[in-house]
Amino acid sequence: MKGSDPRLAIVEAAHDSEASELPFGKRWNHETVTMRPEHLEALRQGRLVALDVQAEYVVYLRLDAEGKGAGNGG
């Protein structure tokens, strides 16, 4: 899909990183984060959701409500 971000994938379930290379190729670990309705509402209001990844990295989630493309902007 044009304008899509290759770092994002929609999947039906979490894949076991030890047994599968889906959806991004070989990875050495994974985790699942469950969002609550207030997280989704914050995204709809134009706010960001900060995600702590394994106490080492931070990922900021942003909603592209206008469909202008994901990009990796800051």
Protein backbone atom coordinates (compact mmCIF):
# COMPACT_ATOMS: atom_id res chain seq x y z
CA MET A 1 0.00 0.00 0.00
CA LYS A 2 1.45 3.36 -1.04
CA GLY A 3 2.51 5.54 1.88
CA SER A 4 2.52 2.62 4.30
CA ASP A 5 5.20 2.23 6.94
CA PRO A 6 7.12 -1.07 6.61
CA ARG A 7 7.58 -1.10 10.40
CA LEU A 8 3.84 -1.60 10.91
CA ALA A 9 1.86 -4.75 10.27
CA ILE A 10 -1.68 -5.79 11.10
CA VAL A 11 -1.76 -9.41 12.28
CA GLU A 12 -4.41 -11.70 13.74
CA ALA A 13 -2.28 -12.85 16.70
CA ALA A 14 1.17 -12.45 18.25
CA HIS A 15 3.73 -14.75 16.62
CA ASP A 16 6.25 -16.71 18.69
CA SER A 17 9.57 -15.09 17.83
CA GLU A 18 11.45 -18.31 18.57
CA ALA A 19 9.39 -20.32 16.07
CA SER A 20 8.40 -17.83 13.40
CA GLU A 21 9.89 -15.09 11.27
CA LEU A 22 6.51 -13.42 10.82
CA PRO A 23 5.74 -10.58 10.33
CA PHE A 24 9.17 -8.87 10.05
CA GLY A 25 11.79 -11.59 9.75
CA LYS A 26 13.86 -13.13 12.55
CA ARG A 27 13.49 -11.45 15.94
CA TRP A 28 14.84 -12.56 19.30
CA ASN A 29 12.03 -11.53 21.58
CA HIS A 30 8.52 -10.14 21.57
CA GLU A 31 5.96 -8.78 23.96
CA THR A 32 2.29 -7.87 23.80
CA VAL A 33 0.96 -4.53 25.02
CA THR A 34 -2.77 -4.19 25.60
CA MET A 35 -4.28 -0.77 25.03
CA ARG A 36 -7.32 0.42 26.93
CA PRO A 37 -10.13 2.57 25.54
CA GLU A 38 -8.54 5.68 27.07
CA HIS A 39 -5.38 5.04 25.04
CA LEU A 40 -7.40 4.89 21.84
CA GLU A 41 -9.32 8.01 22.83
CA ALA A 42 -6.05 9.87 23.50
CA LEU A 43 -4.87 8.91 20.00
CA ARG A 44 -8.16 10.14 18.53
CA GLN A 45 -7.63 13.46 20.34
CA GLY A 46 -4.26 13.93 18.64
CA ARG A 47 -2.12 12.88 21.60
CA LEU A 48 0.66 10.29 21.52
CA VAL A 49 0.86 7.04 23.47
CA ALA A 50 4.38 6.30 24.75
CA LEU A 51 5.32 2.63 24.84
CA ASP A 52 8.20 1.32 26.97
CA VAL A 53 9.80 -1.55 25.06
CA GLN A 54 11.62 -3.98 27.34
CA ALA A 55 12.79 -1.14 29.62
CA GLU A 56 15.25 -0.11 26.89
CA TYR A 57 13.47 1.73 24.08
CA VAL A 58 10.53 4.11 23.78
CA VAL A 59 8.09 3.94 20.89
CA TYR A 60 5.54 6.71 20.40
CA LEU A 61 2.25 5.71 18.80
CA ARG A 62 0.39 8.34 16.81
CA LEU A 63 -2.92 8.05 14.97
CA ASP A 64 -2.92 9.06 11.31
CA ALA A 65 -6.58 10.09 11.34
CA GLU A 66 -6.33 11.82 7.95
CA GLY A 67 -4.61 8.92 6.16
CA LYS A 68 -1.58 10.98 5.11
CA GLY A 69 0.90 8.15 5.63
CA ALA A 70 2.75 6.84 8.66
CA GLY A 71 6.27 8.18 8.16
CA ASN A 72 8.76 8.05 11.00
CA GLY A 73 8.69 11.70 12.02
CA GLY A 74 9.36 12.93 15.51
